[in-house]
C-alpha atoms as a PDB file:
ATOM      1  CA  UNK A   1      -6.341   4.609  30.841  1.00  0.00           C
ATOM      2  CA  UNK A   2      -2.823   6.047  30.780  1.00  0.00           C
ATOM      3  CA  UNK A   3      -0.797   2.833  30.566  1.00  0.00           C
ATOM      4  CA  UNK A   4      -2.688   0.180  28.604  1.00  0.00           C
ATOM      5  CA  UNK A   5      -1.528  -3.408  28.985  1.00  0.00           C
ATOM      6  CA  UNK A   6      -3.466  -4.789  26.009  1.00  0.00           C
ATOM      7  CA  UNK A   7      -4.140  -2.973  22.718  1.00  0.00           C
ATOM      8  CA  UNK A   8      -6.142  -4.544  19.889  1.00  0.00           C
ATOM      9  CA  UNK A   9      -5.942  -3.059  16.382  1.00  0.00           C
ATOM     10  CA  UNK A  10      -8.439  -3.932  13.657  1.00  0.00           C
ATOM     11  CA  UNK A  11      -7.158  -3.715  10.072  1.00  0.00           C
ATOM     12  CA  UNK A  12      -8.563  -6.248   7.621  1.00  0.00           C
ATOM     13  CA  UNK A  13      -7.957  -4.220   4.452  1.00  0.00           C
ATOM     14  CA  UNK A  14      -5.233  -4.406   1.856  1.00  0.00           C
ATOM     15  CA  UNK A  15      -1.452  -4.487   1.812  1.00  0.00           C
ATOM     16  CA  UNK A  16      -0.979  -0.749   1.284  1.00  0.00           C
ATOM     17  CA  UNK A  17      -3.254   0.213   4.174  1.00  0.00           C
ATOM     18  CA  UNK A  18      -1.409  -2.192   6.465  1.00  0.00           C
ATOM     19  CA  UNK A  19       1.986  -0.808   5.463  1.00  0.00           C
ATOM     20  CA  UNK A  20       0.772   2.732   6.166  1.00  0.00           C
ATOM     21  CA  UNK A  21      -0.597   1.501   9.493  1.00  0.00           C
ATOM     22  CA  UNK A  22       2.876   0.261  10.471  1.00  0.00           C
ATOM     23  CA  UNK A  23       3.779   3.910  11.092  1.00  0.00           C
ATOM     24  CA  UNK A  24       0.952   4.243  13.635  1.00  0.00           C
ATOM     25  CA  UNK A  25       1.777   0.949  15.354  1.00  0.00           C
ATOM     26  CA  UNK A  26       5.359   2.144  15.617  1.00  0.00           C
ATOM     27  CA  UNK A  27       4.067   5.268  17.393  1.00  0.00           C
ATOM     28  CA  UNK A  28       2.089   3.138  19.840  1.00  0.00           C
ATOM     29  CA  UNK A  29       5.060   0.888  20.535  1.00  0.00           C
ATOM     30  CA  UNK A  30       7.272   3.898  21.204  1.00  0.00           C
ATOM     31  CA  UNK A  31       4.732   5.481  23.545  1.00  0.00           C
ATOM     32  CA  UNK A  32       3.685   2.246  25.287  1.00  0.00           C
ATOM     33  CA  UNK A  33       6.708  -0.089  25.064  1.00  0.00           C
ATOM     34  CA  UNK A  34       5.330  -2.672  27.507  1.00  0.00           C
ATOM     35  CA  UNK A  35       1.832  -3.022  26.020  1.00  0.00           C
ATOM     36  CA  UNK A  36       0.799  -6.209  24.258  1.00  0.00           C
ATOM     37  CA  UNK A  37      -0.321  -5.223  20.743  1.00  0.00           C
ATOM     38  CA  UNK A  38      -2.575  -7.582  18.762  1.00  0.00           C
ATOM     39  CA  UNK A  39      -3.476  -7.004  15.114  1.00  0.00           C
ATOM     40  CA  UNK A  40      -6.713  -8.384  13.636  1.00  0.00           C
ATOM     41  CA  UNK A  41      -6.174  -8.986   9.909  1.00  0.00           C
ATOM     42  CA  UNK A  42      -7.462 -11.116   7.026  1.00  0.00           C
ATOM     43  CA  UNK A  43      -5.951 -13.177   4.229  1.00  0.00           C
ATOM     44  CA  UNK A  44      -5.649 -10.054   2.046  1.00  0.00           C
ATOM     45  CA  UNK A  45      -3.164  -8.315   4.343  1.00  0.00           C
ATOM     46  CA  UNK A  46      -1.797 -11.201   6.410  1.00  0.00           C
ATOM     47  CA  UNK A  47       1.719 -11.141   4.899  1.00  0.00           C
ATOM     48  CA  UNK A  48       2.063  -7.401   5.460  1.00  0.00           C
ATOM     49  CA  UNK A  49       0.767  -7.802   9.019  1.00  0.00           C
ATOM     50  CA  UNK A  50       3.241 -10.582   9.801  1.00  0.00           C
ATOM     51  CA  UNK A  51       6.104  -8.375   8.680  1.00  0.00           C
ATOM     52  CA  UNK A  52       5.408  -5.736  11.350  1.00  0.00           C
ATOM     53  CA  UNK A  53       8.084  -5.954  14.095  1.00  0.00           C
ATOM     54  CA  UNK A  54       5.999  -3.990  16.608  1.00  0.00           C
ATOM     55  CA  UNK A  55       3.057  -6.424  16.746  1.00  0.00           C
ATOM     56  CA  UNK A  56       3.003  -9.141  19.420  1.00  0.00           C
ATOM     57  CA  UNK A  57       0.068 -11.213  18.130  1.00  0.00           C
ATOM     58  CA  UNK A  58      -1.457 -11.668  14.668  1.00  0.00           C
ATOM     59  CA  UNK A  59      -5.093 -12.801  14.640  1.00  0.00           C
ATOM     60  CA  UNK A  60      -6.248 -13.903  11.173  1.00  0.00           C
ATOM     61  CA  UNK A  61      -9.983 -13.545  10.507  1.00  0.00           C
ATOM     62  CA  UNK A  62     -11.320 -16.100   8.020  1.00  0.00           C
ATOM     63  CA  UNK A  63     -13.774 -14.141   5.867  1.00  0.00           C
ATOM     64  CA  UNK A  64     -15.245 -17.407   4.623  1.00  0.00           C
ATOM     65  CA  UNK A  65     -16.157 -18.547   8.143  1.00  0.00           C
ATOM     66  CA  UNK A  66     -17.718 -15.462   9.687  1.00  0.00           C
ATOM     67  CA  UNK A  67     -19.553 -17.135  12.581  1.00  0.00           C
ATOM     68  CA  UNK A  68     -16.468 -19.036  13.698  1.00  0.00           C
ATOM     69  CA  UNK A  69     -14.336 -15.906  13.414  1.00  0.00           C
ATOM     70  CA  UNK A  70     -16.728 -13.813  15.490  1.00  0.00           C
ATOM     71  CA  UNK A  71     -16.880 -16.532  18.150  1.00  0.00           C
ATOM     72  CA  UNK A  72     -13.053 -16.692  18.215  1.00  0.00           C
ATOM     73  CA  UNK A  73     -12.771 -12.919  18.601  1.00  0.00           C
ATOM     74  CA  UNK A  74     -15.328 -12.897  21.404  1.00  0.00           C
ATOM     75  CA  UNK A  75     -13.152 -15.312  23.386  1.00  0.00           C
ATOM     76  CA  UNK A  76     -10.104 -13.019  23.286  1.00  0.00           C
ATOM     77  CA  UNK A  77      -8.992 -11.552  26.634  1.00  0.00           C
ATOM     78  CA  UNK A  78     -10.451  -8.142  27.318  1.00  0.00           C
ATOM     79  CA  UNK A  79      -8.328  -5.339  25.885  1.00  0.00           C
ATOM     80  CA  UNK A  80      -7.761  -1.934  27.422  1.00  0.00           C
ATOM     81  CA  UNK A  81      -7.998  -0.223  24.027  1.00  0.00           C
ATOM     82  CA  UNK A  82      -9.446  -1.303  20.711  1.00  0.00           C
ATOM     83  CA  UNK A  83      -8.595   0.835  17.686  1.00  0.00           C
ATOM     84  CA  UNK A  84     -10.472   0.172  14.440  1.00  0.00           C
ATOM     85  CA  UNK A  85      -8.661   1.714  11.462  1.00  0.00           C
ATOM     86  CA  UNK A  86     -11.271   0.684   8.895  1.00  0.00           C
ATOM     87  CA  UNK A  87     -12.844   3.943   7.681  1.00  0.00           C
ATOM     88  CA  UNK A  88     -16.137   2.728   6.244  1.00  0.00           C
ATOM     89  CA  UNK A  89     -16.816  -1.023   6.237  1.00  0.00           C
ATOM     90  CA  UNK A  90     -19.605  -2.043   8.602  1.00  0.00           C
ATOM     91  CA  UNK A  91     -17.965  -5.459   8.896  1.00  0.00           C
ATOM     92  CA  UNK A  92     -15.059  -3.787  10.702  1.00  0.00           C
ATOM     93  CA  UNK A  93     -17.546  -2.327  13.156  1.00  0.00           C
ATOM     94  CA  UNK A  94     -19.070  -5.785  13.674  1.00  0.00           C
ATOM     95  CA  UNK A  95     -15.641  -7.201  14.521  1.00  0.00           C
ATOM     96  CA  UNK A  96     -15.019  -4.313  16.901  1.00  0.00           C
ATOM     97  CA  UNK A  97     -18.418  -4.873  18.509  1.00  0.00           C
ATOM     98  CA  UNK A  98     -17.731  -8.511  19.462  1.00  0.00           C
ATOM     99  CA  UNK A  99     -14.202  -7.888  20.784  1.00  0.00           C
ATOM    100  CA  UNK A 100     -14.188  -7.025  24.484  1.00  0.00           C
ATOM    101  CA  UNK A 101     -12.409  -3.768  25.362  1.00  0.00           C
ATOM    102  CA  UNK A 102     -12.578  -1.024  27.977  1.00  0.00           C
ATOM    103  CA  UNK A 103     -12.440   1.697  25.310  1.00  0.00           C
ATOM    104  CA  UNK A 104     -13.268   1.320  21.614  1.00  0.00           C
ATOM    105  CA  UNK A 105     -12.083   3.923  19.122  1.00  0.00           C
ATOM    106  CA  UNK A 106     -12.897   4.253  15.412  1.00  0.00           C
ATOM    107  CA  UNK A 107     -13.981   6.428  12.508  1.00  0.00           C
ATOM    108  CA  UNK A 108     -17.240   8.122  11.677  1.00  0.00           C
ATOM    109  CA  UNK A 109     -18.307   8.327   8.025  1.00  0.00           C
ATOM    110  CA  UNK A 110     -21.385  10.170   6.783  1.00  0.00           C
ATOM    111  CA  UNK A 111     -24.406   7.888   6.312  1.00  0.00           C
ATOM    112  CA  UNK A 112     -22.521   4.767   7.412  1.00  0.00           C
ATOM    113  CA  UNK A 113     -24.016   4.740  10.961  1.00  0.00           C
ATOM    114  CA  UNK A 114     -21.173   2.540  12.219  1.00  0.00           C
ATOM    115  CA  UNK A 115     -19.643   4.910  14.748  1.00  0.00           C
ATOM    116  CA  UNK A 116     -22.256   4.215  17.429  1.00  0.00           C
ATOM    117  CA  UNK A 117     -20.395   1.147  18.664  1.00  0.00           C
ATOM    118  CA  UNK A 118     -17.283   3.193  19.508  1.00  0.00           C
ATOM    119  CA  UNK A 119     -16.754   4.985  22.799  1.00  0.00           C
ATOM    120  CA  UNK A 120     -14.701   7.635  21.015  1.00  0.00           C
ATOM    121  CA  UNK A 121     -14.591   8.453  17.324  1.00  0.00           C
ATOM    122  CA  UNK A 122     -13.221  10.965  14.827  1.00  0.00           C
ATOM    123  CA  UNK A 123     -14.490  12.042  11.421  1.00  0.00           C
ATOM    124  CA  UNK A 124     -12.707  10.253   8.589  1.00  0.00           C
ATOM    125  CA  UNK A 125     -11.712  12.940   6.078  1.00  0.00           C
ATOM    126  CA  UNK A 126     -11.451  12.814   2.283  1.00  0.00           C
ATOM    127  CA  UNK A 127      -9.178  15.854   2.517  1.00  0.00           C
ATOM    128  CA  UNK A 128      -6.368  14.104   4.419  1.00  0.00           C
ATOM    129  CA  UNK A 129      -3.794  11.555   3.395  1.00  0.00           C
ATOM    130  CA  UNK A 130      -4.923   8.210   4.782  1.00  0.00           C
ATOM    131  CA  UNK A 131      -1.928   8.048   7.099  1.00  0.00           C
ATOM    132  CA  UNK A 132      -3.016  11.356   8.653  1.00  0.00           C
ATOM    133  CA  UNK A 133      -6.501   9.909   9.146  1.00  0.00           C
ATOM    134  CA  UNK A 134      -4.911   7.000  11.000  1.00  0.00           C
ATOM    135  CA  UNK A 135      -2.881   9.376  13.147  1.00  0.00           C
ATOM    136  CA  UNK A 136      -6.032  11.293  14.042  1.00  0.00           C
ATOM    137  CA  UNK A 137      -7.238   8.251  16.023  1.00  0.00           C
ATOM    138  CA  UNK A 138      -4.100   8.355  18.156  1.00  0.00           C
ATOM    139  CA  UNK A 139      -4.732  11.971  19.083  1.00  0.00           C
ATOM    140  CA  UNK A 140      -7.799  11.044  21.113  1.00  0.00           C
ATOM    141  CA  UNK A 141      -6.172   8.245  23.158  1.00  0.00           C
ATOM    142  CA  UNK A 142      -3.965  10.328  23.730  1.00  0.00           C
ATOM    143  CA  UNK A 143      -0.660   9.303  22.164  1.00  0.00           C
ATOM    144  CA  UNK A 144       2.215  11.616  21.318  1.00  0.00           C
ATOM    145  CA  UNK A 145       3.019  11.629  17.613  1.00  0.00           C
ATOM    146  CA  UNK A 146       6.593  11.250  16.425  1.00  0.00           C
ATOM    147  CA  UNK A 147       5.569  10.973  12.748  1.00  0.00           C
ATOM    148  CA  UNK A 148       7.314   7.661  12.342  1.00  0.00           C
ATOM    149  CA  UNK A 149       7.879   6.402   8.800  1.00  0.00           C
ATOM    150  CA  UNK A 150       6.073   3.235   7.640  1.00  0.00           C
ATOM    151  CA  UNK A 151       8.283   0.174   7.987  1.00  0.00           C
ATOM    152  CA  UNK A 152       8.763  -3.106   6.131  1.00  0.00           C
ATOM    153  CA  UNK A 153      11.618  -5.435   7.127  1.00  0.00           C
ATOM    154  CA  UNK A 154      13.428  -7.657   4.604  1.00  0.00           C
ATOM    155  CA  UNK A 155      15.193 -10.744   5.948  1.00  0.00           C
ATOM    156  CA  UNK A 156      18.520 -11.945   4.583  1.00  0.00           C
ATOM    157  CA  UNK A 157      16.960 -15.105   3.126  1.00  0.00           C
ATOM    158  CA  UNK A 158      14.707 -13.024   0.897  1.00  0.00           C
ATOM    159  CA  UNK A 159      17.612 -10.849  -0.212  1.00  0.00           C
ATOM    160  CA  UNK A 160      19.573 -13.959  -1.193  1.00  0.00           C
ATOM    161  CA  UNK A 161      16.694 -15.340  -3.290  1.00  0.00           C
ATOM    162  CA  UNK A 162      16.575 -12.088  -5.222  1.00  0.00           C
ATOM    163  CA  UNK A 163      20.324 -11.734  -5.754  1.00  0.00           C
ATOM    164  CA  UNK A 164      20.308 -15.144  -7.431  1.00  0.00           C
ATOM    165  CA  UNK A 165      17.763 -13.789  -9.933  1.00  0.00           C
ATOM    166  CA  UNK A 166      19.582 -10.608 -10.905  1.00  0.00           C
ATOM    167  CA  UNK A 167      22.584 -10.056 -13.122  1.00  0.00           C
ATOM    168  CA  UNK A 168      25.519  -8.546 -11.228  1.00  0.00           C
ATOM    169  CA  UNK A 169      26.575  -4.987 -12.092  1.00  0.00           C
ATOM    170  CA  UNK A 170      23.285  -4.266 -13.881  1.00  0.00           C
ATOM    171  CA  UNK A 171      20.822  -1.434 -13.363  1.00  0.00           C
ATOM    172  CA  UNK A 172      17.250  -2.590 -12.814  1.00  0.00           C
ATOM    173  CA  UNK A 173      14.027  -0.611 -12.912  1.00  0.00           C
ATOM    174  CA  UNK A 174      10.891  -2.250 -11.486  1.00  0.00           C
ATOM    175  CA  UNK A 175       7.566  -1.838 -13.277  1.00  0.00           C
ATOM    176  CA  UNK A 176       4.466  -2.552 -11.184  1.00  0.00           C
ATOM    177  CA  UNK A 177       1.768  -2.240 -13.832  1.00  0.00           C
ATOM    178  CA  UNK A 178      -1.160  -3.829 -12.035  1.00  0.00           C
ATOM    179  CA  UNK A 179      -3.667  -2.173  -9.693  1.00  0.00           C
ATOM    180  CA  UNK A 180      -6.021  -3.896  -7.269  1.00  0.00           C
ATOM    181  CA  UNK A 181      -9.387  -3.383  -5.634  1.00  0.00           C
ATOM    182  CA  UNK A 182     -12.457  -1.639  -7.015  1.00  0.00           C
ATOM    183  CA  UNK A 183     -12.040   0.237 -10.309  1.00  0.00           C
ATOM    184  CA  UNK A 184      -8.588  -1.279 -10.691  1.00  0.00           C
ATOM    185  CA  UNK A 185      -8.771  -1.036 -14.483  1.00  0.00           C
ATOM    186  CA  UNK A 186      -9.143   2.756 -14.200  1.00  0.00           C
ATOM    187  CA  UNK A 187      -5.978   2.992 -12.105  1.00  0.00           C
ATOM    188  CA  UNK A 188      -3.853   1.106 -14.657  1.00  0.00           C
ATOM    189  CA  UNK A 189      -1.723   2.856 -17.263  1.00  0.00           C
ATOM    190  CA  UNK A 190      -2.365   1.341 -20.717  1.00  0.00           C
ATOM    191  CA  UNK A 191      -0.096  -1.591 -21.574  1.00  0.00           C
ATOM    192  CA  UNK A 192       1.001  -0.009 -24.854  1.00  0.00           C
ATOM    193  CA  UNK A 193       2.488   2.898 -22.876  1.00  0.00           C
ATOM    194  CA  UNK A 194       4.289   0.558 -20.479  1.00  0.00           C
ATOM    195  CA  UNK A 195       5.802  -1.259 -23.440  1.00  0.00           C
ATOM    196  CA  UNK A 196       6.869   1.976 -25.136  1.00  0.00           C
ATOM    197  CA  UNK A 197       8.429   3.118 -21.848  1.00  0.00           C
ATOM    198  CA  UNK A 198      10.249  -0.205 -21.443  1.00  0.00           C
ATOM    199  CA  UNK A 199      11.698   0.012 -24.940  1.00  0.00           C
ATOM    200  CA  UNK A 200      13.003   3.522 -24.308  1.00  0.00           C
ATOM    201  CA  UNK A 201      14.563   2.596 -20.968  1.00  0.00           C
ATOM    202  CA  UNK A 202      16.072  -0.648 -22.244  1.00  0.00           C
ATOM    203  CA  UNK A 203      17.633   1.272 -25.154  1.00  0.00           C
ATOM    204  CA  UNK A 204      19.291   3.457 -22.501  1.00  0.00           C
ATOM    205  CA  UNK A 205      20.877   0.421 -20.829  1.00  0.00           C
ATOM    206  CA  UNK A 206      18.394  -0.449 -18.081  1.00  0.00           C
ATOM    207  CA  UNK A 207      16.979  -3.899 -17.349  1.00  0.00           C
ATOM    208  CA  UNK A 208      13.262  -4.115 -16.522  1.00  0.00           C
ATOM    209  CA  UNK A 209      11.627  -6.316 -13.869  1.00  0.00           C
ATOM    210  CA  UNK A 210       7.864  -6.776 -13.817  1.00  0.00           C
ATOM    211  CA  UNK A 211       6.254  -7.480 -10.442  1.00  0.00           C
ATOM    212  CA  UNK A 212       2.719  -8.611  -9.677  1.00  0.00           C
ATOM    213  CA  UNK A 213       0.567 -11.314  -8.147  1.00  0.00           C
ATOM    214  CA  UNK A 214      -0.509 -14.718  -9.424  1.00  0.00           C
ATOM    215  CA  UNK A 215      -3.453 -13.113 -11.216  1.00  0.00           C
ATOM    216  CA  UNK A 216      -0.992 -10.965 -13.223  1.00  0.00           C
ATOM    217  CA  UNK A 217       1.271 -13.764 -14.505  1.00  0.00           C
ATOM    218  CA  UNK A 218      -0.260 -14.074 -17.967  1.00  0.00           C
ATOM    219  CA  UNK A 219      -0.271 -10.351 -18.771  1.00  0.00           C
ATOM    220  CA  UNK A 220       3.264  -9.871 -17.441  1.00  0.00           C
ATOM    221  CA  UNK A 221       4.663 -12.789 -19.456  1.00  0.00           C
ATOM    222  CA  UNK A 222       2.994 -11.465 -22.606  1.00  0.00           C
ATOM    223  CA  UNK A 223       4.834  -8.160 -22.149  1.00  0.00           C
ATOM    224  CA  UNK A 224       8.143  -9.980 -21.682  1.00  0.00           C
ATOM    225  CA  UNK A 225       7.645 -11.981 -24.872  1.00  0.00           C
ATOM    226  CA  UNK A 226       6.858  -8.869 -26.896  1.00  0.00           C
ATOM    227  CA  UNK A 227       9.861  -6.929 -25.569  1.00  0.00           C
ATOM    228  CA  UNK A 228      12.664  -9.478 -25.474  1.00  0.00           C
ATOM    229  CA  UNK A 229      13.273  -9.705 -29.236  1.00  0.00           C
ATOM    230  CA  UNK A 230      13.485  -5.915 -29.513  1.00  0.00           C
ATOM    231  CA  UNK A 231      16.350  -5.064 -27.135  1.00  0.00           C
ATOM    232  CA  UNK A 232      19.691  -6.427 -26.007  1.00  0.00           C
ATOM    233  CA  UNK A 233      18.845  -5.638 -22.380  1.00  0.00           C
ATOM    234  CA  UNK A 234      16.597  -7.896 -20.363  1.00  0.00           C
ATOM    235  CA  UNK A 235      12.951  -7.732 -19.367  1.00  0.00           C
ATOM    236  CA  UNK A 236      12.141 -10.228 -16.634  1.00  0.00           C
ATOM    237  CA  UNK A 237       8.811 -11.051 -14.975  1.00  0.00           C
ATOM    238  CA  UNK A 238       8.681 -12.234 -11.365  1.00  0.00           C
ATOM    239  CA  UNK A 239       4.890 -11.799 -11.162  1.00  0.00           C
ATOM    240  CA  UNK A 240       3.360 -14.553  -9.065  1.00  0.00           C
ATOM    241  CA  UNK A 241       6.744 -16.134  -8.345  1.00  0.00           C
ATOM    242  CA  UNK A 242       7.820 -14.281  -5.211  1.00  0.00           C
ATOM    243  CA  UNK A 243       6.471 -13.695  -1.714  1.00  0.00           C
ATOM    244  CA  UNK A 244       5.639 -10.163  -0.612  1.00  0.00           C
ATOM    245  CA  UNK A 245       8.941  -9.939   1.251  1.00  0.00           C
ATOM    246  CA  UNK A 246      10.899 -11.238  -1.760  1.00  0.00           C
ATOM    247  CA  UNK A 247       9.118  -8.676  -3.925  1.00  0.00           C
ATOM    248  CA  UNK A 248      10.298  -6.016  -1.465  1.00  0.00           C
ATOM    249  CA  UNK A 249      13.834  -7.382  -1.846  1.00  0.00           C
ATOM    250  CA  UNK A 250      13.592  -7.053  -5.662  1.00  0.00           C
ATOM    251  CA  UNK A 251      12.480  -3.457  -5.283  1.00  0.00           C
ATOM    252  CA  UNK A 252      15.272  -2.680  -2.792  1.00  0.00           C
ATOM    253  CA  UNK A 253      17.896  -4.030  -5.223  1.00  0.00           C
ATOM    254  CA  UNK A 254      16.614  -1.793  -8.031  1.00  0.00           C
ATOM    255  CA  UNK A 255      17.495   1.824  -8.699  1.00  0.00           C
ATOM    256  CA  UNK A 256      13.888   2.880  -9.230  1.00  0.00           C
ATOM    257  CA  UNK A 257      10.306   1.670  -9.202  1.00  0.00           C
ATOM    258  CA  UNK A 258       7.677   2.935 -11.638  1.00  0.00           C
ATOM    259  CA  UNK A 259       4.209   2.012 -10.420  1.00  0.00           C
ATOM    260  CA  UNK A 260       0.523   2.708 -10.436  1.00  0.00           C
ATOM    261  CA  UNK A 261      -1.209   3.606  -7.181  1.00  0.00           C
ATOM    262  CA  UNK A 262      -1.418   0.331  -5.289  1.00  0.00           C
ATOM    263  CA  UNK A 263      -0.115  -1.409  -2.179  1.00  0.00           C
ATOM    264  CA  UNK A 264       3.273  -2.212  -3.749  1.00  0.00           C
ATOM    265  CA  UNK A 265       3.821   1.529  -4.193  1.00  0.00           C
ATOM    266  CA  UNK A 266       3.501   1.953  -0.410  1.00  0.00           C
ATOM    267  CA  UNK A 267       5.828  -1.014   0.047  1.00  0.00           C
ATOM    268  CA  UNK A 268       8.488   0.700  -2.099  1.00  0.00           C
ATOM    269  CA  UNK A 269       8.090   3.900  -0.079  1.00  0.00           C
ATOM    270  CA  UNK A 270       8.456   2.005   3.208  1.00  0.00           C
ATOM    271  CA  UNK A 271      11.799   0.509   2.127  1.00  0.00           C
ATOM    272  CA  UNK A 272      13.037   3.901   0.876  1.00  0.00           C
ATOM    273  CA  UNK A 273      13.291   3.100  -2.834  1.00  0.00           C
ATOM    274  CA  UNK A 274      12.993   5.893  -5.407  1.00  0.00           C
ATOM    275  CA  UNK A 275       9.525   5.920  -6.970  1.00  0.00           C
ATOM    276  CA  UNK A 276       7.732   7.370  -9.968  1.00  0.00           C
ATOM    277  CA  UNK A 277       4.041   6.929  -9.142  1.00  0.00           C
ATOM    278  CA  UNK A 278       1.361   7.211 -11.832  1.00  0.00           C
ATOM    279  CA  UNK A 279      -1.905   8.420 -10.296  1.00  0.00           C
ATOM    280  CA  UNK A 280      -5.324   8.567 -11.890  1.00  0.00           C
ATOM    281  CA  UNK A 281      -8.147   8.824 -10.960  1.00  0.00           C
ATOM    282  CA  UNK A 282      -6.878   8.736  -7.366  1.00  0.00           C
ATOM    283  CA  UNK A 283      -5.589  11.769  -5.516  1.00  0.00           C
ATOM    284  CA  UNK A 284      -1.948  11.725  -4.411  1.00  0.00           C
ATOM    285  CA  UNK A 285      -3.017  13.970  -1.543  1.00  0.00           C
ATOM    286  CA  UNK A 286      -5.085  11.032  -0.261  1.00  0.00           C
ATOM    287  CA  UNK A 287      -3.014   8.046  -1.343  1.00  0.00           C
ATOM    288  CA  UNK A 288       0.398   9.228  -2.552  1.00  0.00           C
ATOM    289  CA  UNK A 289       3.635   7.531  -1.496  1.00  0.00           C
ATOM    290  CA  UNK A 290       4.907   8.601   1.924  1.00  0.00           C
ATOM    291  CA  UNK A 291       8.424   9.304   0.727  1.00  0.00           C
ATOM    292  CA  UNK A 292      10.913  12.068  -0.004  1.00  0.00           C
ATOM    293  CA  UNK A 293      12.175  10.032  -2.968  1.00  0.00           C
ATOM    294  CA  UNK A 294       8.928  10.034  -4.921  1.00  0.00           C
ATOM    295  CA  UNK A 295       7.742  11.777  -8.063  1.00  0.00           C
ATOM    296  CA  UNK A 296       3.982  11.699  -8.563  1.00  0.00           C
ATOM    297  CA  UNK A 297       2.664  12.101 -12.105  1.00  0.00           C
ATOM    298  CA  UNK A 298      -1.018  12.904 -12.553  1.00  0.00           C
ATOM    299  CA  UNK A 299      -3.307  13.125 -15.617  1.00  0.00           C
ATOM    300  CA  UNK A 300      -3.018  16.081 -17.974  1.00  0.00           C
ATOM    301  CA  UNK A 301      -6.788  16.531 -17.805  1.00  0.00           C
ATOM    302  CA  UNK A 302      -9.005  17.480 -14.892  1.00  0.00           C
ATOM    303  CA  UNK A 303     -10.762  14.399 -13.552  1.00  0.00           C
ATOM    304  CA  UNK A 304     -14.439  14.977 -12.725  1.00  0.00           C
ATOM    305  CA  UNK A 305     -14.279  13.135  -9.416  1.00  0.00           C
ATOM    306  CA  UNK A 306     -11.266  11.512  -7.798  1.00  0.00           C
ATOM    307  CA  UNK A 307     -11.644   8.234  -5.923  1.00  0.00           C
ATOM    308  CA  UNK A 308     -11.198   8.605  -2.179  1.00  0.00           C
ATOM    309  CA  UNK A 309     -12.118   5.266  -0.628  1.00  0.00           C
ATOM    310  CA  UNK A 310     -11.735   3.495  -3.959  1.00  0.00           C
ATOM    311  CA  UNK A 311     -15.166   1.915  -4.453  1.00  0.00           C
ATOM    312  CA  UNK A 312     -17.196   5.044  -5.305  1.00  0.00           C
ATOM    313  CA  UNK A 313     -19.093   5.238  -8.569  1.00  0.00           C
ATOM    314  CA  UNK A 314     -16.787   6.657 -11.228  1.00  0.00           C
ATOM    315  CA  UNK A 315     -17.244   7.481 -14.903  1.00  0.00           C
ATOM    316  CA  UNK A 316     -14.633   8.756 -17.336  1.00  0.00           C
ATOM    317  CA  UNK A 317     -15.275   9.893 -20.913  1.00  0.00           C
ATOM    318  CA  UNK A 318     -11.619   9.394 -21.919  1.00  0.00           C
ATOM    319  CA  UNK A 319     -10.760   6.154 -23.667  1.00  0.00           C
ATOM    320  CA  UNK A 320      -8.353   4.163 -21.442  1.00  0.00           C
ATOM    321  CA  UNK A 321      -9.165   6.553 -18.574  1.00  0.00           C
ATOM    322  CA  UNK A 322      -7.621   9.830 -17.469  1.00  0.00           C
ATOM    323  CA  UNK A 323      -4.406   8.062 -16.414  1.00  0.00           C
ATOM    324  CA  UNK A 324      -3.697   7.418 -20.118  1.00  0.00           C
ATOM    325  CA  UNK A 325      -2.971  11.136 -20.564  1.00  0.00           C
ATOM    326  CA  UNK A 326       0.269  10.742 -18.589  1.00  0.00           C
ATOM    327  CA  UNK A 327       2.893  10.661 -21.348  1.00  0.00           C
ATOM    328  CA  UNK A 328       5.811   8.274 -21.744  1.00  0.00           C
ATOM    329  CA  UNK A 329       8.165  11.209 -22.273  1.00  0.00           C
ATOM    330  CA  UNK A 330       7.140  12.658 -18.882  1.00  0.00           C
ATOM    331  CA  UNK A 331       8.204   9.427 -17.171  1.00  0.00           C
ATOM    332  CA  UNK A 332      11.450   9.206 -19.163  1.00  0.00           C
ATOM    333  CA  UNK A 333      12.260  12.806 -18.243  1.00  0.00           C
ATOM    334  CA  UNK A 334      12.129  12.003 -14.529  1.00  0.00           C
ATOM    335  CA  UNK A 335      14.135   8.805 -14.975  1.00  0.00           C
ATOM    336  CA  UNK A 336      16.863  10.743 -16.792  1.00  0.00           C
ATOM    337  CA  UNK A 337      16.803  13.446 -14.164  1.00  0.00           C
ATOM    338  CA  UNK A 338      18.466  10.805 -12.078  1.00  0.00           C
ATOM    339  CA  UNK A 339      19.449  10.904  -8.458  1.00  0.00           C
ATOM    340  CA  UNK A 340      17.131  13.567  -7.076  1.00  0.00           C
ATOM    341  CA  UNK A 341      13.657  12.082  -6.971  1.00  0.00           C
ATOM    342  CA  UNK A 342      12.177  14.535  -4.454  1.00  0.00           C
ATOM    343  CA  UNK A 343      10.294  16.497  -7.115  1.00  0.00           C
ATOM    344  CA  UNK A 344       6.793  17.746  -7.950  1.00  0.00           C
ATOM    345  CA  UNK A 345       3.812  17.407  -5.634  1.00  0.00           C
ATOM    346  CA  UNK A 346       4.525  13.860  -4.623  1.00  0.00           C
ATOM    347  CA  UNK A 347       6.322  14.481  -1.354  1.00  0.00           C
ATOM    348  CA  UNK A 348       4.249  14.144   1.844  1.00  0.00           C
END
């Protein structure tokens, strides 16, 4: 079908995946400006989904009420195209199965046996950045690729909330210390290194802002209490206090974000903030920030097996994980290098 009137997209995963997907939805909107685009999401990525300006309808699947959700999806008007961007979960395939569509498109993964419900499918690759995997689905529609950048819009109200929090004429660096998902503890840089880094940067005149979710409040506040007596410059936690969009506004008002590999890293890349991303044991080739203002720092040791989808079995003999071999002085070096953040292997 050359000119689809209704397109349904299935993406029930996390914030970072949904922000990367915004690039693909932007491609679809550019190619098919008059199509109605619906996005199936869940509570975990609802706020990121709602932020997308190219989506006409948001359909929130309640993971706690599966039968009701499936019945609701079955009642949706028939789509011309359904595109499932979930690479492995069989639940995604179940959602795609019950939604009515002329053509269903999705991924094939070895031993997952989920691709049989799709009319067309492509192999999901561990050798590609996830955004390139997403783009591979568009190639079989077909849809011309313009290689649009992921997008995240910040409204003026959110900017105002943030400006009231920050000191005028001050330089802020955002720390996002907390990972999410499976093996999240292995993707986190040790807290002692974050605190050493904060002390060095505060002694150089920077203020530090800690971001995170409600589950991170206690750890973030503990860092603030340990650092505040040591330096004249400020360390402030906004973990659990701001919406996703307000968090984006904090990042946009800062000169730099230093982060582990998580959805907020992709958020910073989407709003064009300079980033130092600490990766381990995840591959930046698979999950690095899509940005020309990013430095990616990786462990100083060879990791036996890098996480691709994130949930694979993983063992590390290094105390605190391979990510702990990234040194504070390496991060400080790139901060001091200043304006040009398009360095190392972190540019995609």
